[in-house]
Structure formats: C-alpha cells, structure tokens
Amino acid sequence: MATSLPNFLPLFLILCYVGSTMAAVHIVGDQLGWRPHVNYYSWVRSRSIKLGDTLVFNYDATKDYSVAEVTQFKFIACNASNAKFFDNSGTSSVTLTEPGQHYFMAQNHCLDDQMVFSVLV
C-alpha cells in the first residue's frame, strides 16, 4: 500500500498546477457594475487579473454606456474609434488573451475619468 502512494504524487501535482492556472471571470465593478461614479482603479487593484481571465461588464443598455478596449493613445484621447473591442449591448465580455497593458473605457463617459481603467496582464 505504501508503495502506491508515490505513484499518485505526480498526478496530484499536475492537478494542483492545472487548478491554479484556470482562468477566472471578473465582474467589473462587482455589484455596482459598469456605470459612472465607480472607482475602477481601486477595483482593479483589489484583483489578481491574469492572462486568460475574462472581464464581464454589466451595464444599462438603455443609456449611452458602452465598453471599448482601445490603445493607450486612444485611451488618453478618450477616443473609441477603431477600438480593439466595442460593445453597447448591456453585457460585454472580454477575454484577456494577450499579455501587456489593456485599456478600457466607455465611449461617452471617459473625459471625466469615470468609466475608464487599465489593467496589466
């Protein structure tokens, strides 16, 4: 019986590694969702967001809210044209498939630094 225990050790270690590398889903803003007057920079700092994780944006589609992933230059300029990702359906999901800095904004709500944040993956 004691000789079979080491046979399970490699399998156990592999399962622990796979379990620790599984992608997570992050609801942006938690229960507040994606809307003005939420500090998304604090929200990002409170998370461990990794490559392969998905960000889910929940917001009121009847308002002029949107989600855009843009370049750094577009982010600074508050310009969502030619965005890497754009949606205004009310629920938007973005899976982070590339390492680096990712910039998110709402097309009509970024000049006042309200619906914006960036995250390093």
N, C-alpha and C. Protein backbone atom coordinates (compact mmCIF):
# COMPACT_ATOMS: atom_id res chain seq x y z
N MET A 1 0.82 -1.19 0.00
CA MET A 1 0.00 0.00 0.00
C MET A 1 0.86 1.25 0.00
N ALA A 2 1.91 1.29 0.79
CA ALA A 2 2.79 2.45 0.85
C ALA A 2 3.54 2.66 -0.45
N THR A 3 3.75 1.62 -1.22
CA THR A 3 4.47 1.77 -2.49
C THR A 3 3.60 2.43 -3.54
N SER A 4 2.27 2.42 -3.43
CA SER A 4 1.41 3.03 -4.44
C SER A 4 1.26 4.53 -4.24
N LEU A 5 1.54 5.03 -3.04
CA LEU A 5 1.40 6.46 -2.76
C LEU A 5 2.28 7.32 -3.67
N PRO A 6 3.55 7.01 -3.86
CA PRO A 6 4.36 7.84 -4.75
C PRO A 6 3.86 7.87 -6.18
N ASN A 7 3.12 6.85 -6.63
CA ASN A 7 2.58 6.83 -7.99
C ASN A 7 1.52 7.93 -8.17
N PHE A 8 0.85 8.30 -7.10
CA PHE A 8 -0.18 9.33 -7.18
C PHE A 8 0.39 10.74 -7.04
N LEU A 9 1.58 10.86 -6.52
CA LEU A 9 2.17 12.17 -6.29
C LEU A 9 2.31 13.00 -7.57
N PRO A 10 2.84 12.46 -8.68
CA PRO A 10 2.92 13.27 -9.91
C PRO A 10 1.54 13.71 -10.41
N LEU A 11 0.56 12.81 -10.34
CA LEU A 11 -0.79 13.16 -10.77
C LEU A 11 -1.36 14.26 -9.88
N PHE A 12 -1.16 14.15 -8.58
CA PHE A 12 -1.63 15.17 -7.64
C PHE A 12 -0.99 16.53 -7.95
N LEU A 13 0.29 16.55 -8.20
CA LEU A 13 0.99 17.81 -8.51
C LEU A 13 0.48 18.42 -9.81
N ILE A 14 0.22 17.60 -10.81
CA ILE A 14 -0.31 18.10 -12.08
C ILE A 14 -1.70 18.69 -11.87
N LEU A 15 -2.55 18.03 -11.12
CA LEU A 15 -3.90 18.54 -10.86
C LEU A 15 -3.85 19.85 -10.07
N CYS A 16 -2.93 19.97 -9.14
CA CYS A 16 -2.78 21.23 -8.40
C CYS A 16 -2.36 22.35 -9.32
N TYR A 17 -1.45 22.07 -10.25
CA TYR A 17 -0.99 23.09 -11.19
C TYR A 17 -2.11 23.51 -12.12
N VAL A 18 -2.83 22.55 -12.67
CA VAL A 18 -3.93 22.86 -13.59
C VAL A 18 -5.00 23.67 -12.87
N GLY A 19 -5.33 23.31 -11.66
CA GLY A 19 -6.33 24.03 -10.89
C GLY A 19 -5.92 25.46 -10.60
N SER A 20 -4.63 25.71 -10.41
CA SER A 20 -4.16 27.05 -10.09
C SER A 20 -4.03 27.93 -11.33
N THR A 21 -4.06 27.34 -12.52
CA THR A 21 -3.90 28.12 -13.73
C THR A 21 -5.21 28.31 -14.48
N MET A 22 -6.31 27.89 -13.90
CA MET A 22 -7.60 28.04 -14.57
C MET A 22 -7.97 29.52 -14.65
N ALA A 23 -8.57 29.88 -15.74
CA ALA A 23 -8.96 31.27 -15.96
C ALA A 23 -10.10 31.65 -15.02
N ALA A 24 -10.10 32.91 -14.64
CA ALA A 24 -11.14 33.44 -13.75
C ALA A 24 -12.04 34.39 -14.52
N VAL A 25 -13.23 34.59 -14.00
CA VAL A 25 -14.18 35.56 -14.55
C VAL A 25 -14.31 36.67 -13.50
N HIS A 26 -14.10 37.91 -13.94
CA HIS A 26 -14.18 39.07 -13.05
C HIS A 26 -15.34 39.95 -13.49
N ILE A 27 -16.28 40.20 -12.61
CA ILE A 27 -17.39 41.11 -12.89
C ILE A 27 -16.90 42.51 -12.59
N VAL A 28 -16.73 43.32 -13.62
CA VAL A 28 -16.19 44.67 -13.47
C VAL A 28 -17.11 45.51 -12.58
N GLY A 29 -16.53 46.04 -11.51
CA GLY A 29 -17.29 46.84 -10.57
C GLY A 29 -18.12 46.03 -9.59
N ASP A 30 -17.98 44.72 -9.63
CA ASP A 30 -18.76 43.82 -8.77
C ASP A 30 -20.25 44.15 -8.87
N GLN A 31 -20.94 44.29 -7.74
CA GLN A 31 -22.38 44.52 -7.77
C GLN A 31 -22.75 45.90 -8.32
N LEU A 32 -21.81 46.85 -8.36
CA LEU A 32 -22.10 48.17 -8.92
C LEU A 32 -22.14 48.16 -10.44
N GLY A 33 -21.43 47.24 -11.04
CA GLY A 33 -21.41 47.13 -12.49
C GLY A 33 -20.58 48.22 -13.15
N TRP A 34 -20.84 48.43 -14.42
CA TRP A 34 -20.13 49.39 -15.28
C TRP A 34 -21.02 50.61 -15.42
N ARG A 35 -20.70 51.66 -14.67
CA ARG A 35 -21.51 52.87 -14.66
C ARG A 35 -20.65 54.02 -14.13
N PRO A 36 -21.11 55.24 -14.27
CA PRO A 36 -20.37 56.38 -13.73
C PRO A 36 -20.27 56.33 -12.20
N HIS A 37 -19.31 57.06 -11.68
CA HIS A 37 -19.11 57.26 -10.23
C HIS A 37 -18.66 56.00 -9.49
N VAL A 38 -17.92 55.13 -10.18
CA VAL A 38 -17.33 53.96 -9.54
C VAL A 38 -15.82 54.07 -9.76
N ASN A 39 -15.04 53.82 -8.73
CA ASN A 39 -13.58 53.88 -8.84
C ASN A 39 -13.06 52.54 -9.35
N TYR A 40 -12.92 52.44 -10.67
CA TYR A 40 -12.48 51.18 -11.26
C TYR A 40 -11.00 50.92 -11.04
N TYR A 41 -10.22 51.94 -10.79
CA TYR A 41 -8.80 51.72 -10.48
C TYR A 41 -8.66 51.00 -9.15
N SER A 42 -9.48 51.34 -8.16
CA SER A 42 -9.47 50.61 -6.88
C SER A 42 -9.94 49.18 -7.11
N TRP A 43 -10.96 49.03 -7.94
CA TRP A 43 -11.46 47.69 -8.23
C TRP A 43 -10.37 46.82 -8.84
N VAL A 44 -9.63 47.36 -9.82
CA VAL A 44 -8.55 46.60 -10.47
C VAL A 44 -7.47 46.24 -9.47
N ARG A 45 -7.09 47.19 -8.61
CA ARG A 45 -6.03 46.93 -7.63
C ARG A 45 -6.42 45.84 -6.63
N SER A 46 -7.70 45.62 -6.45
CA SER A 46 -8.15 44.61 -5.50
C SER A 46 -8.25 43.22 -6.13
N ARG A 47 -7.87 43.08 -7.37
CA ARG A 47 -7.97 41.82 -8.10
C ARG A 47 -6.59 41.33 -8.54
N SER A 48 -6.52 40.04 -8.80
CA SER A 48 -5.36 39.45 -9.43
C SER A 48 -5.82 38.97 -10.80
N ILE A 49 -5.70 39.84 -11.79
CA ILE A 49 -6.20 39.54 -13.13
C ILE A 49 -5.04 39.01 -13.96
N LYS A 50 -5.28 37.86 -14.58
CA LYS A 50 -4.22 37.15 -15.28
C LYS A 50 -4.60 36.89 -16.74
N LEU A 51 -3.60 36.52 -17.50
CA LEU A 51 -3.78 36.12 -18.89
C LEU A 51 -4.80 34.98 -18.95
N GLY A 52 -5.77 35.11 -19.84
CA GLY A 52 -6.81 34.09 -19.98
C GLY A 52 -8.07 34.39 -19.20
N ASP A 53 -7.99 35.34 -18.25
CA ASP A 53 -9.17 35.72 -17.48
C ASP A 53 -10.16 36.48 -18.37
N THR A 54 -11.40 36.51 -17.94
CA THR A 54 -12.44 37.22 -18.67
C THR A 54 -13.00 38.33 -17.79
N LEU A 55 -13.15 39.50 -18.39
CA LEU A 55 -13.79 40.63 -17.73
C LEU A 55 -15.22 40.72 -18.25
N VAL A 56 -16.19 40.79 -17.34
CA VAL A 56 -17.59 40.90 -17.72
C VAL A 56 -18.08 42.27 -17.26
N PHE A 57 -18.60 43.02 -18.20
CA PHE A 57 -19.13 44.36 -17.95
C PHE A 57 -20.65 44.28 -18.00
N ASN A 58 -21.30 44.62 -16.90
CA ASN A 58 -22.77 44.67 -16.83
C ASN A 58 -23.19 46.12 -16.70
N TYR A 59 -24.09 46.57 -17.58
CA TYR A 59 -24.49 47.97 -17.58
C TYR A 59 -25.86 48.12 -18.22
N ASP A 60 -26.40 49.30 -18.07
CA ASP A 60 -27.74 49.61 -18.58
C ASP A 60 -27.64 49.94 -20.08
N ALA A 61 -28.17 49.06 -20.91
CA ALA A 61 -28.10 49.24 -22.36
C ALA A 61 -29.02 50.36 -22.85
N THR A 62 -29.95 50.81 -22.01
CA THR A 62 -30.85 51.88 -22.44
C THR A 62 -30.18 53.26 -22.32
N LYS A 63 -29.07 53.30 -21.60
CA LYS A 63 -28.31 54.56 -21.51
C LYS A 63 -27.22 54.52 -22.56
N ASP A 64 -26.46 55.58 -22.68
CA ASP A 64 -25.43 55.62 -23.72
C ASP A 64 -24.11 55.02 -23.22
N TYR A 65 -24.19 53.95 -22.43
CA TYR A 65 -22.99 53.30 -21.92
C TYR A 65 -22.47 52.32 -22.98
N SER A 66 -21.18 52.12 -22.94
CA SER A 66 -20.54 51.18 -23.85
C SER A 66 -19.26 50.69 -23.21
N VAL A 67 -18.65 49.71 -23.84
CA VAL A 67 -17.34 49.20 -23.43
C VAL A 67 -16.46 49.18 -24.66
N ALA A 68 -15.29 49.78 -24.53
CA ALA A 68 -14.32 49.75 -25.62
C ALA A 68 -12.95 49.40 -25.05
N GLU A 69 -12.28 48.47 -25.70
CA GLU A 69 -10.86 48.24 -25.40
C GLU A 69 -10.09 48.95 -26.49
N VAL A 70 -9.22 49.85 -26.08
CA VAL A 70 -8.52 50.72 -27.03
C VAL A 70 -7.02 50.71 -26.75
N THR A 71 -6.28 51.35 -27.63
CA THR A 71 -4.85 51.51 -27.43
C THR A 71 -4.60 52.58 -26.38
N GLN A 72 -3.38 52.66 -25.92
CA GLN A 72 -3.02 53.68 -24.92
C GLN A 72 -3.29 55.08 -25.46
N PHE A 73 -2.96 55.33 -26.70
CA PHE A 73 -3.15 56.66 -27.28
C PHE A 73 -4.64 57.02 -27.39
N LYS A 74 -5.45 56.06 -27.78
CA LYS A 74 -6.90 56.29 -27.85
C LYS A 74 -7.48 56.48 -26.45
N PHE A 75 -6.94 55.76 -25.48
CA PHE A 75 -7.37 55.88 -24.09
C PHE A 75 -7.11 57.29 -23.56
N ILE A 76 -5.92 57.78 -23.79
CA ILE A 76 -5.55 59.13 -23.34
C ILE A 76 -6.42 60.18 -24.02
N ALA A 77 -6.73 59.95 -25.30
CA ALA A 77 -7.53 60.90 -26.07
C ALA A 77 -9.04 60.71 -25.86
N CYS A 78 -9.43 59.70 -25.11
CA CYS A 78 -10.85 59.38 -24.90
C CYS A 78 -11.55 59.18 -26.26
N ASN A 79 -10.96 58.33 -27.07
CA ASN A 79 -11.43 58.11 -28.43
C ASN A 79 -11.62 56.61 -28.65
N ALA A 80 -12.85 56.19 -28.85
CA ALA A 80 -13.16 54.77 -29.02
C ALA A 80 -13.22 54.34 -30.48
N SER A 81 -12.88 55.23 -31.41
CA SER A 81 -12.92 54.84 -32.82
C SER A 81 -11.88 53.77 -33.09
N ASN A 82 -12.23 52.85 -33.96
CA ASN A 82 -11.35 51.73 -34.32
C ASN A 82 -10.87 50.96 -33.10
N ALA A 83 -11.75 50.75 -32.14
CA ALA A 83 -11.41 50.03 -30.92
C ALA A 83 -11.08 48.58 -31.22
N LYS A 84 -10.25 47.99 -30.40
CA LYS A 84 -9.96 46.55 -30.50
C LYS A 84 -11.23 45.75 -30.21
N PHE A 85 -12.03 46.30 -29.29
CA PHE A 85 -13.31 45.68 -28.92
C PHE A 85 -14.28 46.82 -28.62
N PHE A 86 -15.52 46.68 -29.08
CA PHE A 86 -16.55 47.67 -28.76
C PHE A 86 -17.89 46.96 -28.66
N ASP A 87 -18.65 47.32 -27.62
CA ASP A 87 -19.99 46.75 -27.47
C ASP A 87 -20.82 47.72 -26.63
N ASN A 88 -22.12 47.74 -26.88
CA ASN A 88 -23.04 48.55 -26.08
C ASN A 88 -24.35 47.80 -25.83
N SER A 89 -24.25 46.49 -25.73
CA SER A 89 -25.43 45.62 -25.61
C SER A 89 -25.99 45.51 -24.19
N GLY A 90 -25.21 45.89 -23.17
CA GLY A 90 -25.65 45.77 -21.79
C GLY A 90 -24.87 44.74 -21.00
N THR A 91 -24.35 43.74 -21.67
CA THR A 91 -23.45 42.76 -21.07
C THR A 91 -22.35 42.48 -22.08
N SER A 92 -21.13 42.79 -21.69
CA SER A 92 -19.99 42.61 -22.59
C SER A 92 -18.93 41.78 -21.89
N SER A 93 -18.32 40.87 -22.62
CA SER A 93 -17.25 40.04 -22.07
C SER A 93 -16.00 40.19 -22.92
N VAL A 94 -14.88 40.36 -22.25
CA VAL A 94 -13.59 40.45 -22.92
C VAL A 94 -12.65 39.45 -22.26
N THR A 95 -12.14 38.51 -23.04
CA THR A 95 -11.15 37.57 -22.54
C THR A 95 -9.77 38.12 -22.86
N LEU A 96 -8.93 38.17 -21.86
CA LEU A 96 -7.59 38.76 -21.98
C LEU A 96 -6.63 37.69 -22.52
N THR A 97 -6.44 37.70 -23.83
CA THR A 97 -5.65 36.66 -24.49
C THR A 97 -4.23 37.09 -24.83
N GLU A 98 -3.92 38.36 -24.59
CA GLU A 98 -2.57 38.86 -24.89
C GLU A 98 -1.99 39.49 -23.63
N PRO A 99 -0.70 39.23 -23.36
CA PRO A 99 -0.08 39.89 -22.22
C PRO A 99 0.14 41.38 -22.51
N GLY A 100 0.26 42.16 -21.46
CA GLY A 100 0.51 43.59 -21.62
C GLY A 100 -0.58 44.42 -20.96
N GLN A 101 -0.52 45.71 -21.22
CA GLN A 101 -1.49 46.66 -20.64
C GLN A 101 -2.74 46.69 -21.51
N HIS A 102 -3.90 46.61 -20.89
CA HIS A 102 -5.18 46.67 -21.58
C HIS A 102 -5.93 47.90 -21.08
N TYR A 103 -6.51 48.66 -22.01
CA TYR A 103 -7.17 49.92 -21.70
C TYR A 103 -8.65 49.82 -22.04
N PHE A 104 -9.50 50.13 -21.05
CA PHE A 104 -10.94 50.05 -21.23
C PHE A 104 -11.58 51.39 -20.93
N MET A 105 -12.63 51.71 -21.67
CA MET A 105 -13.33 52.98 -21.49
C MET A 105 -14.76 52.86 -22.02
N ALA A 106 -15.59 53.78 -21.56
CA ALA A 106 -16.92 53.96 -22.12
C ALA A 106 -16.84 55.14 -23.07
N GLN A 107 -17.34 54.98 -24.25
CA GLN A 107 -17.17 55.96 -25.31
C GLN A 107 -17.56 57.38 -24.88
N ASN A 108 -18.65 57.56 -24.22
CA ASN A 108 -19.13 58.90 -23.89
C ASN A 108 -18.94 59.28 -22.43
N HIS A 109 -18.14 58.52 -21.68
CA HIS A 109 -18.01 58.78 -20.25
C HIS A 109 -16.57 58.71 -19.77
N CYS A 110 -15.63 59.02 -20.60
CA CYS A 110 -14.25 58.88 -20.17
C CYS A 110 -13.56 60.22 -19.91
N LEU A 111 -14.06 61.29 -20.47
CA LEU A 111 -13.41 62.59 -20.27
C LEU A 111 -13.38 63.01 -18.82
N ASP A 112 -14.39 62.63 -18.07
CA ASP A 112 -14.42 62.96 -16.64
C ASP A 112 -13.79 61.86 -15.80
N ASP A 113 -13.05 60.96 -16.44
CA ASP A 113 -12.31 59.88 -15.77
C ASP A 113 -13.25 58.96 -14.99
N GLN A 114 -14.44 58.75 -15.52
CA GLN A 114 -15.44 57.98 -14.78
C GLN A 114 -15.43 56.50 -15.15
N MET A 115 -15.68 56.19 -16.38
CA MET A 115 -15.81 54.80 -16.79
C MET A 115 -14.58 54.39 -17.59
N VAL A 116 -13.45 54.36 -16.88
CA VAL A 116 -12.17 54.05 -17.50
C VAL A 116 -11.32 53.24 -16.52
N PHE A 117 -10.47 52.39 -17.05
CA PHE A 117 -9.42 51.76 -16.26
C PHE A 117 -8.48 51.02 -17.20
N SER A 118 -7.32 50.73 -16.69
CA SER A 118 -6.38 49.90 -17.43
C SER A 118 -5.88 48.81 -16.49
N VAL A 119 -5.47 47.70 -17.06
CA VAL A 119 -5.01 46.58 -16.28
C VAL A 119 -3.81 45.95 -16.99
N LEU A 120 -2.79 45.62 -16.21
CA LEU A 120 -1.61 44.95 -16.73
C LEU A 120 -1.79 43.46 -16.55
N VAL A 121 -1.71 42.73 -17.65
CA VAL A 121 -1.88 41.28 -17.63
C VAL A 121 -0.54 40.62 -17.94
